[in-house]
Amino acid sequence: MDIDPVKYGVMWERVQNNDRRFDDISKKIDKMEGDIEQLLALANQAKGGVQVGKIISGIVGGAIAFVADWLVRK
C-alpha cells in the first residue's frame, strides 16, 4: 500500500485549514459569549428602570384622572 504524496499533501493542507477555521470560530464564539453576558447585565439593570417608569406613569395618570374628574364635576 503506497501513499500518494500529492494526495497526502492536499489532505494535510485541508486539515490545517480546518484547524485554522476552528480556531477562528472558537475565538468568535468566546467573544459572542462575553457580549451576551454584557447584554444580560444591561437587561437586568433596565428592569429596575422599567419598574420605576411604571410607578411614575401610574402616579401621573392617576393625578391627571383626578384633575380631569374634578374639572368635569365642577
C-alpha atoms as a PDB file:
ATOM      1  CA  MET A   1       0.000   0.000   0.000  1.00  0.00           C
ATOM      2  CA  ASP A   2       1.667   3.154  -1.233  1.00  0.00           C
ATOM      3  CA  ILE A   3       0.779   6.627  -0.015  1.00  0.00           C
ATOM      4  CA  ASP A   4       0.458   9.211  -2.763  1.00  0.00           C
ATOM      5  CA  PRO A   5       2.468  12.225  -1.552  1.00  0.00           C
ATOM      6  CA  VAL A   6       0.347  14.678  -3.546  1.00  0.00           C
ATOM      7  CA  LYS A   7      -2.940  13.404  -2.092  1.00  0.00           C
ATOM      8  CA  TYR A   8      -1.342  13.305   1.366  1.00  0.00           C
ATOM      9  CA  GLY A   9      -0.183  16.902   0.972  1.00  0.00           C
ATOM     10  CA  VAL A  10      -3.655  18.022  -0.150  1.00  0.00           C
ATOM     11  CA  MET A  11      -5.221  16.237   2.810  1.00  0.00           C
ATOM     12  CA  TRP A  12      -2.658  17.746   5.193  1.00  0.00           C
ATOM     13  CA  GLU A  13      -3.418  21.242   3.886  1.00  0.00           C
ATOM     14  CA  ARG A  14      -7.159  20.686   4.336  1.00  0.00           C
ATOM     15  CA  VAL A  15      -6.616  19.588   7.925  1.00  0.00           C
ATOM     16  CA  GLN A  16      -4.504  22.676   8.613  1.00  0.00           C
ATOM     17  CA  ASN A  17      -7.144  24.959   7.061  1.00  0.00           C
ATOM     18  CA  ASN A  18      -9.870  23.309   9.120  1.00  0.00           C
ATOM     19  CA  ASP A  19      -7.797  23.780  12.283  1.00  0.00           C
ATOM     20  CA  ARG A  20      -7.374  27.491  11.489  1.00  0.00           C
ATOM     21  CA  ARG A  21     -11.091  27.882  10.807  1.00  0.00           C
ATOM     22  CA  PHE A  22     -11.929  26.084  14.042  1.00  0.00           C
ATOM     23  CA  ASP A  23      -9.622  28.408  15.993  1.00  0.00           C
ATOM     24  CA  ASP A  24     -11.214  31.478  14.360  1.00  0.00           C
ATOM     25  CA  ILE A  25     -14.728  30.222  15.102  1.00  0.00           C
ATOM     26  CA  SER A  26     -13.745  29.404  18.674  1.00  0.00           C
ATOM     27  CA  LYS A  27     -12.459  32.964  19.177  1.00  0.00           C
ATOM     28  CA  LYS A  28     -15.676  34.404  17.726  1.00  0.00           C
ATOM     29  CA  ILE A  29     -17.802  32.229  19.995  1.00  0.00           C
ATOM     30  CA  ASP A  30     -15.806  33.346  23.040  1.00  0.00           C
ATOM     31  CA  LYS A  31     -16.319  36.981  22.036  1.00  0.00           C
ATOM     32  CA  MET A  32     -20.051  36.428  21.497  1.00  0.00           C
ATOM     33  CA  GLU A  33     -20.366  34.807  24.940  1.00  0.00           C
ATOM     34  CA  GLY A  34     -18.799  37.902  26.503  1.00  0.00           C
ATOM     35  CA  ASP A  35     -21.131  40.163  24.538  1.00  0.00           C
ATOM     36  CA  ILE A  36     -24.164  38.130  25.622  1.00  0.00           C
ATOM     37  CA  GLU A  37     -23.102  38.396  29.261  1.00  0.00           C
ATOM     38  CA  GLN A  38     -22.861  42.190  28.886  1.00  0.00           C
ATOM     39  CA  LEU A  39     -26.312  42.318  27.263  1.00  0.00           C
ATOM     40  CA  LEU A  40     -27.808  40.270  30.078  1.00  0.00           C
ATOM     41  CA  ALA A  41     -26.249  42.599  32.645  1.00  0.00           C
ATOM     42  CA  LEU A  42     -27.719  45.611  30.856  1.00  0.00           C
ATOM     43  CA  ALA A  43     -31.126  43.934  30.655  1.00  0.00           C
ATOM     44  CA  ASN A  44     -31.066  43.220  34.379  1.00  0.00           C
ATOM     45  CA  GLN A  45     -30.179  46.857  35.090  1.00  0.00           C
ATOM     46  CA  ALA A  46     -33.023  48.037  32.867  1.00  0.00           C
ATOM     47  CA  LYS A  47     -35.597  46.003  34.813  1.00  0.00           C
ATOM     48  CA  GLY A  48     -35.398  48.448  37.713  1.00  0.00           C
ATOM     49  CA  GLY A  49     -35.812  51.403  35.375  1.00  0.00           C
ATOM     50  CA  VAL A  50     -38.910  49.871  33.839  1.00  0.00           C
ATOM     51  CA  GLN A  51     -40.461  49.353  37.257  1.00  0.00           C
ATOM     52  CA  VAL A  52     -39.760  52.961  38.261  1.00  0.00           C
ATOM     53  CA  GLY A  53     -41.234  54.136  34.946  1.00  0.00           C
ATOM     54  CA  LYS A  54     -44.401  52.128  35.597  1.00  0.00           C
ATOM     55  CA  ILE A  55     -44.758  53.643  39.061  1.00  0.00           C
ATOM     56  CA  ILE A  56     -44.225  57.197  37.826  1.00  0.00           C
ATOM     57  CA  SER A  57     -46.611  56.765  34.890  1.00  0.00           C
ATOM     58  CA  GLY A  58     -49.229  55.316  37.244  1.00  0.00           C
ATOM     59  CA  ILE A  59     -48.922  58.290  39.592  1.00  0.00           C
ATOM     60  CA  VAL A  60     -49.054  60.800  36.730  1.00  0.00           C
ATOM     61  CA  GLY A  61     -52.011  59.015  35.134  1.00  0.00           C
ATOM     62  CA  GLY A  62     -53.849  58.933  38.436  1.00  0.00           C
ATOM     63  CA  ALA A  63     -53.218  62.637  39.006  1.00  0.00           C
ATOM     64  CA  ILE A  64     -54.472  63.506  35.508  1.00  0.00           C
ATOM     65  CA  ALA A  65     -57.599  61.392  36.030  1.00  0.00           C
ATOM     66  CA  PHE A  66     -58.221  63.054  39.416  1.00  0.00           C
ATOM     67  CA  VAL A  67     -57.843  66.566  37.966  1.00  0.00           C
ATOM     68  CA  ALA A  68     -59.999  65.707  34.930  1.00  0.00           C
ATOM     69  CA  ASP A  69     -62.706  64.266  37.172  1.00  0.00           C
ATOM     70  CA  TRP A  70     -62.550  67.307  39.434  1.00  0.00           C
ATOM     71  CA  LEU A  71     -62.860  69.656  36.411  1.00  0.00           C
ATOM     72  CA  VAL A  72     -65.812  67.701  34.968  1.00  0.00           C
ATOM     73  CA  ARG A  73     -67.713  67.729  38.273  1.00  0.00           C
ATOM     74  CA  LYS A  74     -67.138  71.445  38.762  1.00  0.00           C
END
